[in-house]
C-alpha atoms as a PDB file:
ATOM      1  CA  UNK A   1      21.873  17.403  27.102  1.00  0.00           C
ATOM      2  CA  UNK A   2      19.507  18.263  24.370  1.00  0.00           C
ATOM      3  CA  UNK A   3      21.605  21.374  23.338  1.00  0.00           C
ATOM      4  CA  UNK A   4      24.559  19.017  22.718  1.00  0.00           C
ATOM      5  CA  UNK A   5      22.377  16.413  20.744  1.00  0.00           C
ATOM      6  CA  UNK A   6      21.117  19.345  18.457  1.00  0.00           C
ATOM      7  CA  UNK A   7      24.599  20.611  17.925  1.00  0.00           C
ATOM      8  CA  UNK A   8      25.969  17.218  16.947  1.00  0.00           C
ATOM      9  CA  UNK A   9      22.909  16.697  14.622  1.00  0.00           C
ATOM     10  CA  UNK A  10      23.569  20.064  13.109  1.00  0.00           C
ATOM     11  CA  UNK A  11      27.096  19.071  11.947  1.00  0.00           C
ATOM     12  CA  UNK A  12      25.625  15.596  10.445  1.00  0.00           C
ATOM     13  CA  UNK A  13      23.140  17.643   8.821  1.00  0.00           C
ATOM     14  CA  UNK A  14      25.594  19.666   6.696  1.00  0.00           C
ATOM     15  CA  UNK A  15      26.746  16.426   5.171  1.00  0.00           C
ATOM     16  CA  UNK A  16      23.568  14.473   4.975  1.00  0.00           C
ATOM     17  CA  UNK A  17      20.636  16.704   4.226  1.00  0.00           C
ATOM     18  CA  UNK A  18      19.772  14.553   1.027  1.00  0.00           C
ATOM     19  CA  UNK A  19      19.604  11.461   3.274  1.00  0.00           C
ATOM     20  CA  UNK A  20      16.900  12.957   5.759  1.00  0.00           C
ATOM     21  CA  UNK A  21      14.247  10.361   5.428  1.00  0.00           C
ATOM     22  CA  UNK A  22      16.645   7.411   5.373  1.00  0.00           C
ATOM     23  CA  UNK A  23      18.322   9.240   8.572  1.00  0.00           C
ATOM     24  CA  UNK A  24      15.077   9.606  10.236  1.00  0.00           C
ATOM     25  CA  UNK A  25      13.979   6.075   9.623  1.00  0.00           C
ATOM     26  CA  UNK A  26      17.334   4.755  10.822  1.00  0.00           C
ATOM     27  CA  UNK A  27      16.700   6.600  13.935  1.00  0.00           C
ATOM     28  CA  UNK A  28      13.016   5.652  14.215  1.00  0.00           C
ATOM     29  CA  UNK A  29      14.137   1.902  13.811  1.00  0.00           C
ATOM     30  CA  UNK A  30      16.337   2.336  16.918  1.00  0.00           C
ATOM     31  CA  UNK A  31      13.244   3.831  18.603  1.00  0.00           C
ATOM     32  CA  UNK A  32      15.356   7.098  19.087  1.00  0.00           C
ATOM     33  CA  UNK A  33      12.535   9.418  18.855  1.00  0.00           C
ATOM     34  CA  UNK A  34      14.517  12.316  20.901  1.00  0.00           C
ATOM     35  CA  UNK A  35      17.319  12.284  18.038  1.00  0.00           C
ATOM     36  CA  UNK A  36      14.842  11.930  15.084  1.00  0.00           C
ATOM     37  CA  UNK A  37      13.020  15.160  16.512  1.00  0.00           C
ATOM     38  CA  UNK A  38      16.240  17.074  17.040  1.00  0.00           C
ATOM     39  CA  UNK A  39      17.291  16.272  13.359  1.00  0.00           C
ATOM     40  CA  UNK A  40      13.956  17.333  11.993  1.00  0.00           C
ATOM     41  CA  UNK A  41      14.232  20.396  14.084  1.00  0.00           C
ATOM     42  CA  UNK A  42      17.723  21.424  12.698  1.00  0.00           C
ATOM     43  CA  UNK A  43      16.699  20.697   9.206  1.00  0.00           C
ATOM     44  CA  UNK A  44      13.741  22.645   9.236  1.00  0.00           C
ATOM     45  CA  UNK A  45      15.795  25.454  10.531  1.00  0.00           C
ATOM     46  CA  UNK A  46      18.206  25.340   7.678  1.00  0.00           C
ATOM     47  CA  UNK A  47      15.713  24.212   4.927  1.00  0.00           C
ATOM     48  CA  UNK A  48      12.290  25.111   5.857  1.00  0.00           C
ATOM     49  CA  UNK A  49       9.404  23.058   5.129  1.00  0.00           C
ATOM     50  CA  UNK A  50      10.445  20.937   2.098  1.00  0.00           C
ATOM     51  CA  UNK A  51       8.689  17.533   0.683  1.00  0.00           C
ATOM     52  CA  UNK A  52      11.457  15.642   2.236  1.00  0.00           C
ATOM     53  CA  UNK A  53      10.970  17.292   5.851  1.00  0.00           C
ATOM     54  CA  UNK A  54       7.324  16.416   5.248  1.00  0.00           C
ATOM     55  CA  UNK A  55       7.787  12.804   4.327  1.00  0.00           C
ATOM     56  CA  UNK A  56      10.394  12.324   7.314  1.00  0.00           C
ATOM     57  CA  UNK A  57       7.615  13.857   9.479  1.00  0.00           C
ATOM     58  CA  UNK A  58       5.383  11.409   8.377  1.00  0.00           C
ATOM     59  CA  UNK A  59       7.647   8.514   9.126  1.00  0.00           C
ATOM     60  CA  UNK A  60       7.612  10.087  12.673  1.00  0.00           C
ATOM     61  CA  UNK A  61       3.666   9.295  12.904  1.00  0.00           C
ATOM     62  CA  UNK A  62       3.934   6.178  11.472  1.00  0.00           C
ATOM     63  CA  UNK A  63       6.447   4.988  14.185  1.00  0.00           C
ATOM     64  CA  UNK A  64       4.308   6.557  17.083  1.00  0.00           C
ATOM     65  CA  UNK A  65       1.593   4.677  15.670  1.00  0.00           C
ATOM     66  CA  UNK A  66       3.282   1.480  15.647  1.00  0.00           C
ATOM     67  CA  UNK A  67       4.641   2.066  19.018  1.00  0.00           C
ATOM     68  CA  UNK A  68       0.836   2.850  20.101  1.00  0.00           C
ATOM     69  CA  UNK A  69       1.597   6.255  21.091  1.00  0.00           C
ATOM     70  CA  UNK A  70      -1.779   7.522  19.758  1.00  0.00           C
ATOM     71  CA  UNK A  71      -1.341  10.966  20.821  1.00  0.00           C
ATOM     72  CA  UNK A  72       2.074  11.384  19.353  1.00  0.00           C
ATOM     73  CA  UNK A  73       0.781   9.628  16.344  1.00  0.00           C
ATOM     74  CA  UNK A  74      -2.129  11.941  15.843  1.00  0.00           C
ATOM     75  CA  UNK A  75      -0.033  15.209  16.399  1.00  0.00           C
ATOM     76  CA  UNK A  76       2.741  14.071  14.043  1.00  0.00           C
ATOM     77  CA  UNK A  77       0.197  13.137  11.252  1.00  0.00           C
ATOM     78  CA  UNK A  78      -1.876  16.531  11.809  1.00  0.00           C
ATOM     79  CA  UNK A  79       1.363  18.528  11.702  1.00  0.00           C
ATOM     80  CA  UNK A  80       2.262  16.836   8.441  1.00  0.00           C
ATOM     81  CA  UNK A  81      -1.160  17.617   6.803  1.00  0.00           C
ATOM     82  CA  UNK A  82      -1.136  21.074   8.190  1.00  0.00           C
ATOM     83  CA  UNK A  83       2.418  22.043   6.745  1.00  0.00           C
ATOM     84  CA  UNK A  84       1.594  20.150   3.575  1.00  0.00           C
ATOM     85  CA  UNK A  85      -1.039  22.749   2.843  1.00  0.00           C
ATOM     86  CA  UNK A  86       1.619  25.504   2.615  1.00  0.00           C
ATOM     87  CA  UNK A  87       3.289  23.478  -0.604  1.00  0.00           C
ATOM     88  CA  UNK A  88      -0.205  22.464  -1.830  1.00  0.00           C
ATOM     89  CA  UNK A  89      -1.104  26.024  -2.262  1.00  0.00           C
ATOM     90  CA  UNK A  90       1.340  26.438  -5.145  1.00  0.00           C
ATOM     91  CA  UNK A  91       2.193  23.050  -6.388  1.00  0.00           C
ATOM     92  CA  UNK A  92       0.266  19.899  -7.258  1.00  0.00           C
ATOM     93  CA  UNK A  93       0.253  16.846  -4.899  1.00  0.00           C
ATOM     94  CA  UNK A  94       2.215  14.734  -7.613  1.00  0.00           C
ATOM     95  CA  UNK A  95       4.648  17.196  -8.226  1.00  0.00           C
ATOM     96  CA  UNK A  96       7.064  15.611  -5.827  1.00  0.00           C
ATOM     97  CA  UNK A  97       7.014  11.961  -4.590  1.00  0.00           C
ATOM     98  CA  UNK A  98       8.133  13.205  -1.130  1.00  0.00           C
ATOM     99  CA  UNK A  99       4.919  15.263  -0.801  1.00  0.00           C
ATOM    100  CA  UNK A 100       2.309  12.865  -2.094  1.00  0.00           C
ATOM    101  CA  UNK A 101       4.025  10.001   0.316  1.00  0.00           C
ATOM    102  CA  UNK A 102       3.835  12.374   3.297  1.00  0.00           C
ATOM    103  CA  UNK A 103       0.265  13.270   2.712  1.00  0.00           C
ATOM    104  CA  UNK A 104      -0.935   9.834   2.024  1.00  0.00           C
ATOM    105  CA  UNK A 105       0.786   8.715   5.041  1.00  0.00           C
ATOM    106  CA  UNK A 106      -0.495  11.415   7.282  1.00  0.00           C
ATOM    107  CA  UNK A 107      -4.088  10.737   6.367  1.00  0.00           C
ATOM    108  CA  UNK A 108      -3.416   6.942   6.812  1.00  0.00           C
ATOM    109  CA  UNK A 109      -2.299   7.360  10.562  1.00  0.00           C
ATOM    110  CA  UNK A 110      -5.251   9.832  11.391  1.00  0.00           C
ATOM    111  CA  UNK A 111      -7.686   7.148  10.129  1.00  0.00           C
ATOM    112  CA  UNK A 112      -5.899   4.370  11.926  1.00  0.00           C
ATOM    113  CA  UNK A 113      -5.812   6.601  15.272  1.00  0.00           C
ATOM    114  CA  UNK A 114      -9.559   7.014  14.911  1.00  0.00           C
ATOM    115  CA  UNK A 115     -10.354   3.608  14.601  1.00  0.00           C
ATOM    116  CA  UNK A 116      -7.876   2.432  17.530  1.00  0.00           C
ATOM    117  CA  UNK A 117      -9.743   4.872  19.560  1.00  0.00           C
ATOM    118  CA  UNK A 118     -13.070   3.092  18.670  1.00  0.00           C
ATOM    119  CA  UNK A 119     -14.209   5.797  16.246  1.00  0.00           C
ATOM    120  CA  UNK A 120     -14.845   3.327  13.326  1.00  0.00           C
ATOM    121  CA  UNK A 121     -17.535   5.327  11.566  1.00  0.00           C
ATOM    122  CA  UNK A 122     -15.464   8.720  11.910  1.00  0.00           C
ATOM    123  CA  UNK A 123     -12.538   6.833  10.420  1.00  0.00           C
ATOM    124  CA  UNK A 124     -14.543   5.673   7.665  1.00  0.00           C
ATOM    125  CA  UNK A 125     -15.912   9.143   6.933  1.00  0.00           C
ATOM    126  CA  UNK A 126     -12.405  10.876   7.231  1.00  0.00           C
ATOM    127  CA  UNK A 127     -10.997   8.314   4.492  1.00  0.00           C
ATOM    128  CA  UNK A 128     -14.146   8.882   2.311  1.00  0.00           C
ATOM    129  CA  UNK A 129     -13.751  12.582   2.266  1.00  0.00           C
ATOM    130  CA  UNK A 130      -9.861  12.307   1.512  1.00  0.00           C
ATOM    131  CA  UNK A 131     -10.703   9.933  -1.254  1.00  0.00           C
ATOM    132  CA  UNK A 132     -13.171  12.345  -2.898  1.00  0.00           C
ATOM    133  CA  UNK A 133     -10.475  15.193  -2.513  1.00  0.00           C
ATOM    134  CA  UNK A 134      -7.582  13.201  -3.795  1.00  0.00           C
ATOM    135  CA  UNK A 135      -9.508  10.817  -6.177  1.00  0.00           C
ATOM    136  CA  UNK A 136      -7.389  11.823  -9.127  1.00  0.00           C
ATOM    137  CA  UNK A 137      -4.063  11.538  -7.388  1.00  0.00           C
ATOM    138  CA  UNK A 138      -1.485   8.815  -6.927  1.00  0.00           C
ATOM    139  CA  UNK A 139      -2.568   8.400  -3.166  1.00  0.00           C
ATOM    140  CA  UNK A 140      -5.947   7.051  -4.266  1.00  0.00           C
ATOM    141  CA  UNK A 141      -5.104   3.520  -4.022  1.00  0.00           C
ATOM    142  CA  UNK A 142      -3.367   3.946  -0.656  1.00  0.00           C
ATOM    143  CA  UNK A 143      -6.407   5.666   0.754  1.00  0.00           C
ATOM    144  CA  UNK A 144      -8.678   3.094  -0.687  1.00  0.00           C
ATOM    145  CA  UNK A 145      -6.617   0.337   0.971  1.00  0.00           C
ATOM    146  CA  UNK A 146      -7.325   1.841   4.444  1.00  0.00           C
ATOM    147  CA  UNK A 147     -10.871   2.243   3.729  1.00  0.00           C
ATOM    148  CA  UNK A 148     -10.941  -1.262   2.609  1.00  0.00           C
ATOM    149  CA  UNK A 149      -8.903  -2.496   5.868  1.00  0.00           C
ATOM    150  CA  UNK A 150     -11.935  -0.881   7.890  1.00  0.00           C
ATOM    151  CA  UNK A 151     -14.849  -1.729   5.979  1.00  0.00           C
ATOM    152  CA  UNK A 152     -14.334  -4.148   3.015  1.00  0.00           C
ATOM    153  CA  UNK A 153     -14.452  -7.493   5.006  1.00  0.00           C
ATOM    154  CA  UNK A 154     -17.989  -8.789   5.008  1.00  0.00           C
ATOM    155  CA  UNK A 155     -19.057  -6.708   1.849  1.00  0.00           C
ATOM    156  CA  UNK A 156     -19.763  -7.793  -1.577  1.00  0.00           C
ATOM    157  CA  UNK A 157     -16.611  -8.131  -3.708  1.00  0.00           C
ATOM    158  CA  UNK A 158     -16.445  -5.322  -6.035  1.00  0.00           C
ATOM    159  CA  UNK A 159     -16.406  -6.251  -9.726  1.00  0.00           C
ATOM    160  CA  UNK A 160     -13.141  -6.488 -11.557  1.00  0.00           C
ATOM    161  CA  UNK A 161     -12.354  -4.667 -14.977  1.00  0.00           C
ATOM    162  CA  UNK A 162     -11.457  -7.773 -17.203  1.00  0.00           C
ATOM    163  CA  UNK A 163     -11.167  -6.014 -20.603  1.00  0.00           C
ATOM    164  CA  UNK A 164      -7.452  -6.625 -20.766  1.00  0.00           C
ATOM    165  CA  UNK A 165      -6.078  -9.598 -19.612  1.00  0.00           C
ATOM    166  CA  UNK A 166      -3.277 -12.342 -19.929  1.00  0.00           C
ATOM    167  CA  UNK A 167      -4.084 -15.983 -19.998  1.00  0.00           C
ATOM    168  CA  UNK A 168      -7.467 -17.479 -19.967  1.00  0.00           C
ATOM    169  CA  UNK A 169     -10.294 -15.168 -20.418  1.00  0.00           C
ATOM    170  CA  UNK A 170     -11.513 -13.980 -16.762  1.00  0.00           C
ATOM    171  CA  UNK A 171     -15.024 -15.084 -15.698  1.00  0.00           C
ATOM    172  CA  UNK A 172     -16.743 -12.012 -13.609  1.00  0.00           C
ATOM    173  CA  UNK A 173     -16.774 -12.456  -9.807  1.00  0.00           C
ATOM    174  CA  UNK A 174     -20.564 -12.413 -10.081  1.00  0.00           C
ATOM    175  CA  UNK A 175     -20.501 -15.470 -12.382  1.00  0.00           C
ATOM    176  CA  UNK A 176     -18.030 -17.284 -10.047  1.00  0.00           C
ATOM    177  CA  UNK A 177     -20.370 -16.815  -7.080  1.00  0.00           C
ATOM    178  CA  UNK A 178     -20.601 -20.250  -5.298  1.00  0.00           C
ATOM    179  CA  UNK A 179     -16.776 -20.676  -5.354  1.00  0.00           C
ATOM    180  CA  UNK A 180     -14.135 -19.545  -3.073  1.00  0.00           C
ATOM    181  CA  UNK A 181     -11.967 -16.889  -4.977  1.00  0.00           C
ATOM    182  CA  UNK A 182      -8.545 -15.684  -4.175  1.00  0.00           C
ATOM    183  CA  UNK A 183      -7.480 -12.396  -5.819  1.00  0.00           C
ATOM    184  CA  UNK A 184      -3.651 -12.018  -6.097  1.00  0.00           C
ATOM    185  CA  UNK A 185      -2.834  -8.495  -6.756  1.00  0.00           C
ATOM    186  CA  UNK A 186       0.883  -8.742  -7.964  1.00  0.00           C
ATOM    187  CA  UNK A 187       3.486  -6.575  -9.903  1.00  0.00           C
ATOM    188  CA  UNK A 188       6.100  -7.610 -12.532  1.00  0.00           C
ATOM    189  CA  UNK A 189       8.787  -5.840 -10.352  1.00  0.00           C
ATOM    190  CA  UNK A 190       7.329  -7.062  -7.016  1.00  0.00           C
ATOM    191  CA  UNK A 191      10.074  -9.711  -5.102  1.00  0.00           C
ATOM    192  CA  UNK A 192       7.464 -10.497  -2.529  1.00  0.00           C
ATOM    193  CA  UNK A 193       4.855 -11.334  -5.138  1.00  0.00           C
ATOM    194  CA  UNK A 194       7.306 -13.865  -6.603  1.00  0.00           C
ATOM    195  CA  UNK A 195       7.843 -15.135  -3.217  1.00  0.00           C
ATOM    196  CA  UNK A 196       4.320 -15.667  -2.561  1.00  0.00           C
ATOM    197  CA  UNK A 197       3.666 -17.455  -5.837  1.00  0.00           C
ATOM    198  CA  UNK A 198       4.469 -20.883  -4.726  1.00  0.00           C
ATOM    199  CA  UNK A 199       2.360 -20.665  -1.641  1.00  0.00           C
ATOM    200  CA  UNK A 200      -0.652 -19.774  -3.745  1.00  0.00           C
ATOM    201  CA  UNK A 201       0.252 -22.331  -6.213  1.00  0.00           C
ATOM    202  CA  UNK A 202       0.457 -25.046  -3.364  1.00  0.00           C
ATOM    203  CA  UNK A 203      -2.792 -23.984  -1.980  1.00  0.00           C
ATOM    204  CA  UNK A 204      -4.272 -24.063  -5.382  1.00  0.00           C
ATOM    205  CA  UNK A 205      -3.315 -27.690  -5.762  1.00  0.00           C
ATOM    206  CA  UNK A 206      -4.776 -28.554  -2.316  1.00  0.00           C
ATOM    207  CA  UNK A 207      -8.007 -26.442  -2.792  1.00  0.00           C
ATOM    208  CA  UNK A 208      -8.654 -26.297  -6.515  1.00  0.00           C
ATOM    209  CA  UNK A 209     -10.202 -29.612  -6.647  1.00  0.00           C
ATOM    210  CA  UNK A 210     -12.643 -28.258  -3.777  1.00  0.00           C
ATOM    211  CA  UNK A 211     -13.642 -25.102  -5.882  1.00  0.00           C
ATOM    212  CA  UNK A 212     -10.941 -22.723  -5.118  1.00  0.00           C
ATOM    213  CA  UNK A 213     -10.411 -20.154  -7.892  1.00  0.00           C
ATOM    214  CA  UNK A 214      -7.408 -17.836  -8.190  1.00  0.00           C
ATOM    215  CA  UNK A 215      -7.543 -14.731 -10.068  1.00  0.00           C
ATOM    216  CA  UNK A 216      -4.486 -12.594 -10.384  1.00  0.00           C
ATOM    217  CA  UNK A 217      -4.858  -8.972 -11.247  1.00  0.00           C
ATOM    218  CA  UNK A 218      -2.030  -6.858 -12.151  1.00  0.00           C
ATOM    219  CA  UNK A 219      -1.462  -3.380 -14.076  1.00  0.00           C
ATOM    220  CA  UNK A 220       1.066  -1.443 -16.120  1.00  0.00           C
ATOM    221  CA  UNK A 221       3.553   0.689 -14.458  1.00  0.00           C
ATOM    222  CA  UNK A 222       5.146   2.453 -17.611  1.00  0.00           C
ATOM    223  CA  UNK A 223       8.521   0.503 -17.312  1.00  0.00           C
ATOM    224  CA  UNK A 224       9.812  -3.126 -17.685  1.00  0.00           C
ATOM    225  CA  UNK A 225      13.254  -4.834 -17.103  1.00  0.00           C
ATOM    226  CA  UNK A 226      15.594  -2.997 -15.105  1.00  0.00           C
ATOM    227  CA  UNK A 227      13.297   0.054 -14.794  1.00  0.00           C
ATOM    228  CA  UNK A 228      13.674   0.897 -18.371  1.00  0.00           C
ATOM    229  CA  UNK A 229      10.694   3.052 -19.976  1.00  0.00           C
ATOM    230  CA  UNK A 230       8.418   0.784 -21.715  1.00  0.00           C
ATOM    231  CA  UNK A 231       5.452   1.278 -24.005  1.00  0.00           C
ATOM    232  CA  UNK A 232       2.153  -0.545 -22.823  1.00  0.00           C
ATOM    233  CA  UNK A 233       2.719  -3.113 -25.733  1.00  0.00           C
ATOM    234  CA  UNK A 234       6.127  -3.735 -24.570  1.00  0.00           C
ATOM    235  CA  UNK A 235       5.424  -3.612 -20.812  1.00  0.00           C
ATOM    236  CA  UNK A 236       2.713  -6.036 -21.523  1.00  0.00           C
ATOM    237  CA  UNK A 237       4.635  -8.475 -23.216  1.00  0.00           C
ATOM    238  CA  UNK A 238       7.341  -8.158 -20.359  1.00  0.00           C
ATOM    239  CA  UNK A 239       4.638  -8.807 -17.760  1.00  0.00           C
ATOM    240  CA  UNK A 240       3.589 -12.063 -19.602  1.00  0.00           C
ATOM    241  CA  UNK A 241       7.215 -13.131 -19.680  1.00  0.00           C
ATOM    242  CA  UNK A 242       7.596 -12.458 -15.854  1.00  0.00           C
ATOM    243  CA  UNK A 243       4.225 -14.297 -15.156  1.00  0.00           C
ATOM    244  CA  UNK A 244       5.355 -17.389 -17.202  1.00  0.00           C
ATOM    245  CA  UNK A 245       8.855 -17.527 -15.674  1.00  0.00           C
ATOM    246  CA  UNK A 246       8.025 -16.966 -11.899  1.00  0.00           C
ATOM    247  CA  UNK A 247       4.554 -18.367 -11.680  1.00  0.00           C
ATOM    248  CA  UNK A 248       4.625 -21.461 -13.857  1.00  0.00           C
ATOM    249  CA  UNK A 249       2.185 -23.435 -11.503  1.00  0.00           C
ATOM    250  CA  UNK A 250      -0.606 -20.481 -11.887  1.00  0.00           C
ATOM    251  CA  UNK A 251      -0.544 -20.346 -15.845  1.00  0.00           C
ATOM    252  CA  UNK A 252      -4.200 -21.752 -15.633  1.00  0.00           C
ATOM    253  CA  UNK A 253      -5.548 -18.486 -13.782  1.00  0.00           C
ATOM    254  CA  UNK A 254      -6.559 -15.377 -15.506  1.00  0.00           C
ATOM    255  CA  UNK A 255      -4.560 -12.229 -15.240  1.00  0.00           C
ATOM    256  CA  UNK A 256      -6.728  -8.954 -15.700  1.00  0.00           C
ATOM    257  CA  UNK A 257      -4.510  -5.967 -16.475  1.00  0.00           C
ATOM    258  CA  UNK A 258      -5.975  -2.749 -15.182  1.00  0.00           C
ATOM    259  CA  UNK A 259      -4.804   0.177 -12.780  1.00  0.00           C
ATOM    260  CA  UNK A 260      -8.622   0.630 -12.200  1.00  0.00           C
ATOM    261  CA  UNK A 261      -8.762  -2.710 -10.199  1.00  0.00           C
ATOM    262  CA  UNK A 262      -5.988  -1.667  -8.018  1.00  0.00           C
ATOM    263  CA  UNK A 263      -7.764   1.766  -7.218  1.00  0.00           C
ATOM    264  CA  UNK A 264     -10.983  -0.096  -6.446  1.00  0.00           C
ATOM    265  CA  UNK A 265      -9.398  -2.574  -3.991  1.00  0.00           C
ATOM    266  CA  UNK A 266      -6.836  -0.093  -2.880  1.00  0.00           C
ATOM    267  CA  UNK A 267      -3.849  -2.551  -3.800  1.00  0.00           C
ATOM    268  CA  UNK A 268      -1.120   0.091  -3.307  1.00  0.00           C
ATOM    269  CA  UNK A 269       0.957  -2.728  -1.613  1.00  0.00           C
ATOM    270  CA  UNK A 270       1.841  -5.791  -3.765  1.00  0.00           C
ATOM    271  CA  UNK A 271       0.950  -8.382  -2.989  1.00  0.00           C
ATOM    272  CA  UNK A 272      -2.414  -7.751  -1.826  1.00  0.00           C
ATOM    273  CA  UNK A 273      -4.594 -10.860  -1.055  1.00  0.00           C
ATOM    274  CA  UNK A 274      -8.376 -10.734  -1.009  1.00  0.00           C
ATOM    275  CA  UNK A 275     -10.420 -13.971  -0.315  1.00  0.00           C
ATOM    276  CA  UNK A 276     -13.857 -14.051  -1.510  1.00  0.00           C
ATOM    277  CA  UNK A 277     -16.253 -16.555   0.115  1.00  0.00           C
ATOM    278  CA  UNK A 278     -18.725 -18.563  -1.766  1.00  0.00           C
ATOM    279  CA  UNK A 279     -21.620 -15.995  -0.973  1.00  0.00           C
ATOM    280  CA  UNK A 280     -19.383 -13.494  -3.076  1.00  0.00           C
ATOM    281  CA  UNK A 281     -18.371 -11.711   0.041  1.00  0.00           C
ATOM    282  CA  UNK A 282     -14.880 -10.435   1.136  1.00  0.00           C
ATOM    283  CA  UNK A 283     -13.825 -12.809   3.886  1.00  0.00           C
ATOM    284  CA  UNK A 284     -10.222 -11.571   3.976  1.00  0.00           C
ATOM    285  CA  UNK A 285      -8.427  -8.587   2.751  1.00  0.00           C
ATOM    286  CA  UNK A 286      -4.899  -8.462   3.413  1.00  0.00           C
ATOM    287  CA  UNK A 287      -2.302  -5.873   1.931  1.00  0.00           C
ATOM    288  CA  UNK A 288       1.370  -7.751   1.919  1.00  0.00           C
ATOM    289  CA  UNK A 289       2.330 -11.346   1.707  1.00  0.00           C
ATOM    290  CA  UNK A 290       0.909 -13.921   4.152  1.00  0.00           C
ATOM    291  CA  UNK A 291       2.616 -17.269   4.949  1.00  0.00           C
ATOM    292  CA  UNK A 292       1.343 -20.633   4.020  1.00  0.00           C
ATOM    293  CA  UNK A 293      -0.651 -21.704   7.142  1.00  0.00           C
ATOM    294  CA  UNK A 294      -2.061 -18.457   7.867  1.00  0.00           C
ATOM    295  CA  UNK A 295      -3.331 -18.102   4.108  1.00  0.00           C
ATOM    296  CA  UNK A 296      -4.480 -21.703   4.304  1.00  0.00           C
ATOM    297  CA  UNK A 297      -6.435 -21.191   7.554  1.00  0.00           C
ATOM    298  CA  UNK A 298      -8.455 -18.401   5.998  1.00  0.00           C
ATOM    299  CA  UNK A 299      -9.071 -20.397   2.811  1.00  0.00           C
ATOM    300  CA  UNK A 300     -10.373 -23.321   4.964  1.00  0.00           C
ATOM    301  CA  UNK A 301     -12.879 -21.063   6.776  1.00  0.00           C
ATOM    302  CA  UNK A 302     -14.173 -19.777   3.167  1.00  0.00           C
ATOM    303  CA  UNK A 303     -14.696 -23.147   1.767  1.00  0.00           C
END
């Protein structure tokens, strides 16, 4: 049976090798691990270890983790990292987005497996070692995100870089101590951020009179409308246009503009929501959008 499956996949691969990652993700969405493994095996025989292969393999690790198959997730993640060293020996991590995605995902999965097994301190140490190793690469924010998921809640909120901003001049988080603060990390291209905007606006109208402050950090990405390259000046103007157009009820909120804030808070996912309580400590760290009821409940606890 397995042999017939491999032959079938071989025929498909001759037409769709360029879509390997998409194909693997489709099979994993169907929980079809055997077919995904077979397709990866055939691809490797034909093409060797490529960045595309490594990213697809990292999706195997992520899918296994999501299915709570910790042993499999760890094996896929370690294999991804081990094979990545072959490519990293002669090219930089950010030379190919497939390669950087694969390495970042593999580290993420290994850390989450350690934590799921109750080895919290080891998971934190593992992430910190890799942040030191990859601190000047594109995956730093992703690794910081995972570190923050494990360790930021309960800690003092890191200070924001507020040198460049839109809207009212930001007040430092230290000076805002005594008021609950919602940090809303967003991007001008982010559809989920635009959907979260009305939720945050509604909560600000409810809890603003009780002291809630909203700060909305963003950053430059090097492009503007329709993905066209843009100078920092032009992109900043585009960000201001997006902010005014899609977030009309949040115009009184300061918008610090700095990539360093995203790295510091590990905001590799947008939106990322961080709630700081009256004592200045993080009470919620959440990469991704949150529904109204869940975010309202978290804010109530921080009031």
